[in-house]
Structure formats: structure tokens, C-alpha cells
PDB file of N, CA and C in Angstrom:
ATOM      1  N   MET A   1     175.364  25.574  30.564  1.00  0.00           N
ATOM      2  CA  MET A   1     174.313  26.559  30.396  1.00  0.00           C
ATOM      3  C   MET A   1     173.033  26.058  31.079  1.00  0.00           C
ATOM      4  N   THR A   2     172.262  26.947  31.621  1.00  0.00           N
ATOM      5  CA  THR A   2     171.036  26.624  32.326  1.00  0.00           C
ATOM      6  C   THR A   2     169.906  26.450  31.324  1.00  0.00           C
ATOM      7  N   ASP A   3     169.084  25.404  31.529  1.00  0.00           N
ATOM      8  CA  ASP A   3     167.967  25.195  30.597  1.00  0.00           C
ATOM      9  C   ASP A   3     166.772  26.065  30.981  1.00  0.00           C
ATOM     10  N   ALA A   4     165.825  26.174  30.061  1.00  0.00           N
ATOM     11  CA  ALA A   4     164.661  27.049  30.269  1.00  0.00           C
ATOM     12  C   ALA A   4     163.840  26.616  31.473  1.00  0.00           C
ATOM     13  N   GLY A   5     163.701  25.309  31.694  1.00  0.00           N
ATOM     14  CA  GLY A   5     162.939  24.822  32.838  1.00  0.00           C
ATOM     15  C   GLY A   5     163.538  25.264  34.152  1.00  0.00           C
ATOM     16  N   GLU A   6     164.840  25.203  34.232  1.00  0.00           N
ATOM     17  CA  GLU A   6     165.517  25.621  35.468  1.00  0.00           C
ATOM     18  C   GLU A   6     165.374  27.132  35.681  1.00  0.00           C
ATOM     19  N   LEU A   7     165.472  27.906  34.607  1.00  0.00           N
ATOM     20  CA  LEU A   7     165.277  29.351  34.714  1.00  0.00           C
ATOM     21  C   LEU A   7     163.868  29.674  35.194  1.00  0.00           C
ATOM     22  N   ALA A   8     162.869  28.951  34.655  1.00  0.00           N
ATOM     23  CA  ALA A   8     161.483  29.187  35.062  1.00  0.00           C
ATOM     24  C   ALA A   8     161.276  28.827  36.528  1.00  0.00           C
ATOM     25  N   ARG A   9     161.833  27.696  36.973  1.00  0.00           N
ATOM     26  CA  ARG A   9     161.707  27.303  38.388  1.00  0.00           C
ATOM     27  C   ARG A   9     162.351  28.349  39.291  1.00  0.00           C
ATOM     28  N   ASP A  10     163.519  28.828  38.900  1.00  0.00           N
ATOM     29  CA  ASP A  10     164.189  29.864  39.696  1.00  0.00           C
ATOM     30  C   ASP A  10     163.338  31.132  39.774  1.00  0.00           C
ATOM     31  N   ALA A  11     162.733  31.519  38.652  1.00  0.00           N
ATOM     32  CA  ALA A  11     161.894  32.717  38.636  1.00  0.00           C
ATOM     33  C   ALA A  11     160.675  32.541  39.539  1.00  0.00           C
ATOM     34  N   LEU A  12     160.050  31.367  39.504  1.00  0.00           N
ATOM     35  CA  LEU A  12     158.904  31.108  40.380  1.00  0.00           C
ATOM     36  C   LEU A  12     159.303  31.198  41.841  1.00  0.00           C
ATOM     37  N   GLN A  13     160.437  30.640  42.184  1.00  0.00           N
ATOM     38  CA  GLN A  13     160.889  30.697  43.570  1.00  0.00           C
ATOM     39  C   GLN A  13     161.190  32.134  43.977  1.00  0.00           C
ATOM     40  N   GLN A  14     161.724  32.939  43.068  1.00  0.00           N
ATOM     41  CA  GLN A  14     161.968  34.351  43.372  1.00  0.00           C
ATOM     42  C   GLN A  14     160.655  35.085  43.632  1.00  0.00           C
ATOM     43  N   ILE A  15     159.626  34.773  42.838  1.00  0.00           N
ATOM     44  CA  ILE A  15     158.313  35.397  43.045  1.00  0.00           C
ATOM     45  C   ILE A  15     157.760  35.018  44.410  1.00  0.00           C
ATOM     46  N   HIS A  16     157.835  33.733  44.756  1.00  0.00           N
ATOM     47  CA  HIS A  16     157.332  33.286  46.051  1.00  0.00           C
ATOM     48  C   HIS A  16     158.136  33.899  47.196  1.00  0.00           C
ATOM     49  N   ARG A  17     159.449  33.989  47.053  1.00  0.00           N
ATOM     50  CA  ARG A  17     160.256  34.612  48.107  1.00  0.00           C
ATOM     51  C   ARG A  17     159.875  36.084  48.286  1.00  0.00           C
ATOM     52  N   ALA A  18     159.637  36.777  47.182  1.00  0.00           N
ATOM     53  CA  ALA A  18     159.204  38.179  47.267  1.00  0.00           C
ATOM     54  C   ALA A  18     157.847  38.270  47.946  1.00  0.00           C
ATOM     55  N   ALA A  19     156.958  37.325  47.646  1.00  0.00           N
ATOM     56  CA  ALA A  19     155.637  37.320  48.277  1.00  0.00           C
ATOM     57  C   ALA A  19     155.762  37.117  49.782  1.00  0.00           C
ATOM     58  N   VAL A  20     156.664  36.226  50.193  1.00  0.00           N
ATOM     59  CA  VAL A  20     156.893  36.000  51.627  1.00  0.00           C
ATOM     60  C   VAL A  20     157.464  37.268  52.256  1.00  0.00           C
ATOM     61  N   ARG A  21     158.457  37.837  51.631  1.00  0.00           N
ATOM     62  CA  ARG A  21     159.128  39.028  52.171  1.00  0.00           C
ATOM     63  C   ARG A  21     158.168  40.205  52.316  1.00  0.00           C
ATOM     64  N   HIS A  22     157.298  40.375  51.327  1.00  0.00           N
ATOM     65  CA  HIS A  22     156.381  41.509  51.337  1.00  0.00           C
ATOM     66  C   HIS A  22     154.991  41.155  51.867  1.00  0.00           C
ATOM     67  N   ARG A  23     154.815  39.873  52.260  1.00  0.00           N
ATOM     68  CA  ARG A  23     153.518  39.399  52.757  1.00  0.00           C
ATOM     69  C   ARG A  23     152.409  39.776  51.769  1.00  0.00           C
ATOM     70  N   ASP A  24     152.650  39.396  50.500  1.00  0.00           N
ATOM     71  CA  ASP A  24     151.763  39.785  49.410  1.00  0.00           C
ATOM     72  C   ASP A  24     151.075  38.554  48.813  1.00  0.00           C
ATOM     73  N   PRO A  25     149.818  38.312  49.180  1.00  0.00           N
ATOM     74  CA  PRO A  25     149.121  37.137  48.656  1.00  0.00           C
ATOM     75  C   PRO A  25     148.894  37.205  47.144  1.00  0.00           C
ATOM     76  N   GLU A  26     148.861  38.403  46.572  1.00  0.00           N
ATOM     77  CA  GLU A  26     148.690  38.527  45.121  1.00  0.00           C
ATOM     78  C   GLU A  26     149.880  37.933  44.373  1.00  0.00           C
ATOM     79  N   LEU A  27     151.081  38.121  44.908  1.00  0.00           N
ATOM     80  CA  LEU A  27     152.255  37.516  44.282  1.00  0.00           C
ATOM     81  C   LEU A  27     152.195  36.000  44.361  1.00  0.00           C
ATOM     82  N   HIS A  28     151.734  35.450  45.491  1.00  0.00           N
ATOM     83  CA  HIS A  28     151.565  33.990  45.595  1.00  0.00           C
ATOM     84  C   HIS A  28     150.563  33.501  44.560  1.00  0.00           C
ATOM     85  N   ARG A  29     149.443  34.218  44.425  1.00  0.00           N
ATOM     86  CA  ARG A  29     148.431  33.810  43.441  1.00  0.00           C
ATOM     87  C   ARG A  29     148.994  33.859  42.023  1.00  0.00           C
ATOM     88  N   ALA A  30     149.769  34.889  41.714  1.00  0.00           N
ATOM     89  CA  ALA A  30     150.366  34.989  40.381  1.00  0.00           C
ATOM     90  C   ALA A  30     151.313  33.816  40.123  1.00  0.00           C
ATOM     91  N   ALA A  31     152.140  33.494  41.107  1.00  0.00           N
ATOM     92  CA  ALA A  31     153.059  32.360  40.951  1.00  0.00           C
ATOM     93  C   ALA A  31     152.287  31.058  40.800  1.00  0.00           C
ATOM     94  N   ASN A  32     151.194  30.895  41.554  1.00  0.00           N
ATOM     95  CA  ASN A  32     150.387  29.676  41.433  1.00  0.00           C
ATOM     96  C   ASN A  32     149.746  29.577  40.057  1.00  0.00           C
ATOM     97  N   GLN A  33     149.352  30.698  39.467  1.00  0.00           N
ATOM     98  CA  GLN A  33     148.800  30.676  38.111  1.00  0.00           C
ATOM     99  C   GLN A  33     149.866  30.243  37.110  1.00  0.00           C
ATOM    100  N   ILE A  34     151.082  30.698  37.299  1.00  0.00           N
ATOM    101  CA  ILE A  34     152.182  30.285  36.428  1.00  0.00           C
ATOM    102  C   ILE A  34     152.425  28.790  36.570  1.00  0.00           C
ATOM    103  N   VAL A  35     152.379  28.276  37.801  1.00  0.00           N
ATOM    104  CA  VAL A  35     152.564  26.841  38.040  1.00  0.00           C
ATOM    105  C   VAL A  35     151.489  26.049  37.306  1.00  0.00           C
ATOM    106  N   ARG A  36     150.224  26.468  37.444  1.00  0.00           N
ATOM    107  CA  ARG A  36     149.139  25.749  36.757  1.00  0.00           C
ATOM    108  C   ARG A  36     149.313  25.782  35.246  1.00  0.00           C
ATOM    109  N   ALA A  37     149.722  26.927  34.710  1.00  0.00           N
ATOM    110  CA  ALA A  37     149.930  27.042  33.266  1.00  0.00           C
ATOM    111  C   ALA A  37     151.065  26.121  32.814  1.00  0.00           C
ATOM    112  N   ALA A  38     152.151  26.105  33.569  1.00  0.00           N
ATOM    113  CA  ALA A  38     153.286  25.242  33.223  1.00  0.00           C
ATOM    114  C   ALA A  38     152.876  23.774  33.251  1.00  0.00           C
ATOM    115  N   MET A  39     152.144  23.383  34.302  1.00  0.00           N
ATOM    116  CA  MET A  39     151.717  21.988  34.419  1.00  0.00           C
ATOM    117  C   MET A  39     150.767  21.595  33.289  1.00  0.00           C
ATOM    118  N   SER A  40     149.913  22.521  32.850  1.00  0.00           N
ATOM    119  CA  SER A  40     148.979  22.211  31.768  1.00  0.00           C
ATOM    120  C   SER A  40     149.705  21.974  30.449  1.00  0.00           C
ATOM    121  N   HIS A  41     150.938  22.473  30.352  1.00  0.00           N
ATOM    122  CA  HIS A  41     151.747  22.254  29.152  1.00  0.00           C
ATOM    123  C   HIS A  41     152.759  21.128  29.351  1.00  0.00           C
ATOM    124  N   GLY A  42     152.616  20.384  30.445  1.00  0.00           N
ATOM    125  CA  GLY A  42     153.489  19.253  30.702  1.00  0.00           C
ATOM    126  C   GLY A  42     154.860  19.626  31.235  1.00  0.00           C
ATOM    127  N   LEU A  43     155.022  20.841  31.729  1.00  0.00           N
ATOM    128  CA  LEU A  43     156.298  21.275  32.277  1.00  0.00           C
ATOM    129  C   LEU A  43     156.320  21.095  33.790  1.00  0.00           C
ATOM    130  N   ASP A  44     157.490  20.849  34.329  1.00  0.00           N
ATOM    131  CA  ASP A  44     157.652  20.675  35.770  1.00  0.00           C
ATOM    132  C   ASP A  44     158.070  21.997  36.397  1.00  0.00           C
ATOM    133  N   PRO A  45     157.177  22.624  37.175  1.00  0.00           N
ATOM    134  CA  PRO A  45     157.528  23.908  37.787  1.00  0.00           C
ATOM    135  C   PRO A  45     158.447  23.783  38.995  1.00  0.00           C
ATOM    136  N   GLY A  46     158.725  22.579  39.426  1.00  0.00           N
ATOM    137  CA  GLY A  46     159.591  22.389  40.579  1.00  0.00           C
ATOM    138  C   GLY A  46     158.828  22.511  41.887  1.00  0.00           C
ATOM    139  N   PRO A  47     159.491  22.198  42.992  1.00  0.00           N
ATOM    140  CA  PRO A  47     158.833  22.230  44.299  1.00  0.00           C
ATOM    141  C   PRO A  47     158.686  23.649  44.843  1.00  0.00           C
ATOM    142  N   VAL A  48     157.462  24.129  44.852  1.00  0.00           N
ATOM    143  CA  VAL A  48     157.216  25.474  45.379  1.00  0.00           C
ATOM    144  C   VAL A  48     156.245  25.442  46.559  1.00  0.00           C
ATOM    145  N   GLU A  49     155.947  24.237  47.050  1.00  0.00           N
ATOM    146  CA  GLU A  49     154.933  24.095  48.098  1.00  0.00           C
ATOM    147  C   GLU A  49     155.256  24.870  49.358  1.00  0.00           C
ATOM    148  N   SER A  50     156.527  24.930  49.725  1.00  0.00           N
ATOM    149  CA  SER A  50     156.864  25.577  50.992  1.00  0.00           C
ATOM    150  C   SER A  50     156.600  27.081  50.955  1.00  0.00           C
ATOM    151  N   TYR A  51     156.333  27.623  49.769  1.00  0.00           N
ATOM    152  CA  TYR A  51     156.037  29.046  49.673  1.00  0.00           C
ATOM    153  C   TYR A  51     154.543  29.330  49.746  1.00  0.00           C
ATOM    154  N   ARG A  52     153.749  28.289  49.931  1.00  0.00           N
ATOM    155  CA  ARG A  52     152.306  28.462  50.086  1.00  0.00           C
ATOM    156  C   ARG A  52     151.959  28.447  51.573  1.00  0.00           C
ATOM    157  N   PRO A  53     150.958  29.197  51.980  1.00  0.00           N
ATOM    158  CA  PRO A  53     150.497  29.061  53.372  1.00  0.00           C
ATOM    159  C   PRO A  53     149.780  27.725  53.524  1.00  0.00           C
ATOM    160  N   CYS A  54     149.840  27.134  54.711  1.00  0.00           N
ATOM    161  CA  CYS A  54     149.187  25.845  54.940  1.00  0.00           C
ATOM    162  C   CYS A  54     147.749  26.053  55.402  1.00  0.00           C
ATOM    163  N   PRO A  55     146.787  25.437  54.689  1.00  0.00           N
ATOM    164  CA  PRO A  55     145.391  25.580  55.092  1.00  0.00           C
ATOM    165  C   PRO A  55     145.034  24.768  56.341  1.00  0.00           C
ATOM    166  N   VAL A  56     145.910  23.846  56.752  1.00  0.00           N
ATOM    167  CA  VAL A  56     145.614  22.984  57.900  1.00  0.00           C
ATOM    168  C   VAL A  56     146.126  23.581  59.205  1.00  0.00           C
ATOM    169  N   CYS A  57     147.407  23.927  59.248  1.00  0.00           N
ATOM    170  CA  CYS A  57     148.005  24.368  60.510  1.00  0.00           C
ATOM    171  C   CYS A  57     148.314  25.858  60.549  1.00  0.00           C
ATOM    172  N   GLY A  58     148.146  26.538  59.418  1.00  0.00           N
ATOM    173  CA  GLY A  58     148.396  27.970  59.393  1.00  0.00           C
ATOM    174  C   GLY A  58     149.858  28.348  59.252  1.00  0.00           C
ATOM    175  N   ALA A  59     150.726  27.376  58.919  1.00  0.00           N
ATOM    176  CA  ALA A  59     152.136  27.710  58.727  1.00  0.00           C
ATOM    177  C   ALA A  59     152.251  28.759  57.626  1.00  0.00           C
ATOM    178  N   GLU A  60     153.079  29.737  57.880  1.00  0.00           N
ATOM    179  CA  GLU A  60     153.301  30.806  56.915  1.00  0.00           C
ATOM    180  C   GLU A  60     154.177  30.296  55.773  1.00  0.00           C
ATOM    181  N   PRO A  61     154.099  30.936  54.609  1.00  0.00           N
ATOM    182  CA  PRO A  61     154.991  30.560  53.518  1.00  0.00           C
ATOM    183  C   PRO A  61     156.444  30.605  53.966  1.00  0.00           C
ATOM    184  N   GLY A  62     157.189  29.587  53.568  1.00  0.00           N
ATOM    185  CA  GLY A  62     158.591  29.489  53.960  1.00  0.00           C
ATOM    186  C   GLY A  62     158.820  28.694  55.231  1.00  0.00           C
ATOM    187  N   GLN A  63     157.745  28.365  55.981  1.00  0.00           N
ATOM    188  CA  GLN A  63     157.870  27.583  57.208  1.00  0.00           C
ATOM    189  C   GLN A  63     157.387  26.160  56.967  1.00  0.00           C
ATOM    190  N   LEU A  64     157.912  25.220  57.748  1.00  0.00           N
ATOM    191  CA  LEU A  64     157.395  23.852  57.711  1.00  0.00           C
ATOM    192  C   LEU A  64     156.110  23.781  58.514  1.00  0.00           C
ATOM    193  N   CYS A  65     155.287  22.788  58.219  1.00  0.00           N
ATOM    194  CA  CYS A  65     154.030  22.583  58.937  1.00  0.00           C
ATOM    195  C   CYS A  65     154.301  21.994  60.318  1.00  0.00           C
ATOM    196  N   ILE A  66     153.297  22.095  61.175  1.00  0.00           N
ATOM    197  CA  ILE A  66     153.367  21.471  62.493  1.00  0.00           C
ATOM    198  C   ILE A  66     152.225  20.472  62.613  1.00  0.00           C
ATOM    199  N   ASN A  67     152.429  19.452  63.439  1.00  0.00           N
ATOM    200  CA  ASN A  67     151.377  18.471  63.676  1.00  0.00           C
ATOM    201  C   ASN A  67     150.233  19.123  64.436  1.00  0.00           C
ATOM    202  N   VAL A  68     149.034  18.816  64.025  1.00  0.00           N
ATOM    203  CA  VAL A  68     147.848  19.229  64.761  1.00  0.00           C
ATOM    204  C   VAL A  68     147.071  17.961  65.065  1.00  0.00           C
ATOM    205  N   PRO A  69     146.237  17.953  66.107  1.00  0.00           N
ATOM    206  CA  PRO A  69     145.517  16.729  66.466  1.00  0.00           C
ATOM    207  C   PRO A  69     144.791  16.116  65.261  1.00  0.00           C
ATOM    208  N   GLY A  70     145.115  14.870  65.001  1.00  0.00           N
ATOM    209  CA  GLY A  70     144.486  14.126  63.910  1.00  0.00           C
ATOM    210  C   GLY A  70     145.005  14.477  62.531  1.00  0.00           C
ATOM    211  N   ARG A  71     145.985  15.351  62.435  1.00  0.00           N
ATOM    212  CA  ARG A  71     146.510  15.788  61.135  1.00  0.00           C
ATOM    213  C   ARG A  71     148.037  15.834  61.158  1.00  0.00           C
ATOM    214  N   PRO A  72     148.699  14.676  61.189  1.00  0.00           N
ATOM    215  CA  PRO A  72     150.167  14.697  61.186  1.00  0.00           C
ATOM    216  C   PRO A  72     150.705  15.178  59.838  1.00  0.00           C
ATOM    217  N   VAL A  73     151.915  15.697  59.844  1.00  0.00           N
ATOM    218  CA  VAL A  73     152.543  16.138  58.598  1.00  0.00           C
ATOM    219  C   VAL A  73     153.137  14.941  57.871  1.00  0.00           C
ATOM    220  N   ASP A  74     153.328  15.070  56.568  1.00  0.00           N
ATOM    221  CA  ASP A  74     153.941  13.988  55.805  1.00  0.00           C
ATOM    222  C   ASP A  74     155.449  13.989  56.046  1.00  0.00           C
ATOM    223  N   PRO A  75     156.166  12.967  55.561  1.00  0.00           N
ATOM    224  CA  PRO A  75     157.611  12.890  55.822  1.00  0.00           C
ATOM    225  C   PRO A  75     158.398  14.118  55.343  1.00  0.00           C
ATOM    226  N   GLY A  76     157.864  14.877  54.396  1.00  0.00           N
ATOM    227  CA  GLY A  76     158.548  16.064  53.911  1.00  0.00           C
ATOM    228  C   GLY A  76     158.332  17.282  54.789  1.00  0.00           C
ATOM    229  N   GLY A  77     157.529  17.135  55.854  1.00  0.00           N
ATOM    230  CA  GLY A  77     157.309  18.239  56.772  1.00  0.00           C
ATOM    231  C   GLY A  77     156.151  19.149  56.415  1.00  0.00           C
ATOM    232  N   MET A  78     155.259  18.664  55.529  1.00  0.00           N
ATOM    233  CA  MET A  78     154.114  19.481  55.139  1.00  0.00           C
ATOM    234  C   MET A  78     152.843  18.644  55.110  1.00  0.00           C
ATOM    235  N   HIS A  79     151.705  19.307  55.276  1.00  0.00           N
ATOM    236  CA  HIS A  79     150.424  18.627  55.150  1.00  0.00           C
ATOM    237  C   HIS A  79     150.117  18.394  53.671  1.00  0.00           C
ATOM    238  N   PRO A  80     149.460  17.288  53.341  1.00  0.00           N
ATOM    239  CA  PRO A  80     149.164  16.999  51.934  1.00  0.00           C
ATOM    240  C   PRO A  80     148.372  18.109  51.239  1.00  0.00           C
ATOM    241  N   GLU A  81     147.489  18.778  51.971  1.00  0.00           N
ATOM    242  CA  GLU A  81     146.691  19.844  51.355  1.00  0.00           C
ATOM    243  C   GLU A  81     147.563  21.000  50.856  1.00  0.00           C
ATOM    244  N   ARG A  82     148.672  21.180  51.487  1.00  0.00           N
ATOM    245  CA  ARG A  82     149.569  22.277  51.092  1.00  0.00           C
ATOM    246  C   ARG A  82     150.345  21.937  49.824  1.00  0.00           C
ATOM    247  N   THR A  83     150.592  20.671  49.611  1.00  0.00           N
ATOM    248  CA  THR A  83     151.422  20.260  48.479  1.00  0.00           C
ATOM    249  C   THR A  83     150.615  19.952  47.235  1.00  0.00           C
ATOM    250  N   GLN A  84     149.293  19.912  47.345  1.00  0.00           N
ATOM    251  CA  GLN A  84     148.461  19.644  46.171  1.00  0.00           C
ATOM    252  C   GLN A  84     148.252  20.931  45.389  1.00  0.00           C
ATOM    253  N   PRO A  85     148.270  20.841  44.056  1.00  0.00           N
ATOM    254  CA  PRO A  85     148.012  22.043  43.263  1.00  0.00           C
ATOM    255  C   PRO A  85     146.650  22.615  43.592  1.00  0.00           C
ATOM    256  N   GLU A  86     146.550  23.916  43.588  1.00  0.00           N
ATOM    257  CA  GLU A  86     145.281  24.582  43.910  1.00  0.00           C
ATOM    258  C   GLU A  86     144.336  24.505  42.745  1.00  0.00           C
TER     259      GLU A  86
END
């Protein structure tokens, strides 16, 4: 049986995927609010960084970051600013 944490992570990823598909920043903001709420209660929302737009290189949600002069990506393929909670 799937635990509640896994169900919540799956739901967050579904919200982010819908936001990418519909190009809806409000859905991204809603998912980010859920992530912050979960983290404030000590829950792990899982990796949802790739569904955020990158403030450094402009990578769209769902895409990996690209190197820009003086701003290489981390080993996971994203800029640190993208992976930090908002």
C-alpha cells in the first residue's frame, strides 16, 4: 500500500505537470505553497525543482538548466537558485 507521503508527492508532481502543460504560473504557485506547508510540518514533499522555472537561465519547467557565463549548473543539472525553496 502507498503511504500518505508518497501520495502527496505524486499529487504535487501532477499539479506541476499540469502547470507545465497549461503554462499556468498560478498552479506552480499553488504547488509551491503546498511544498512550504509540508516542509513547515516536517514532511518531505519530494523533488519538485524541475517543475519550477529557472531564475538564472530561463529554463522552462520540466527542462534542465543550461550553463551561462559565470553560472555553471550543479551536478544535478540545475542552478542552485532553482532548487532552493522560495
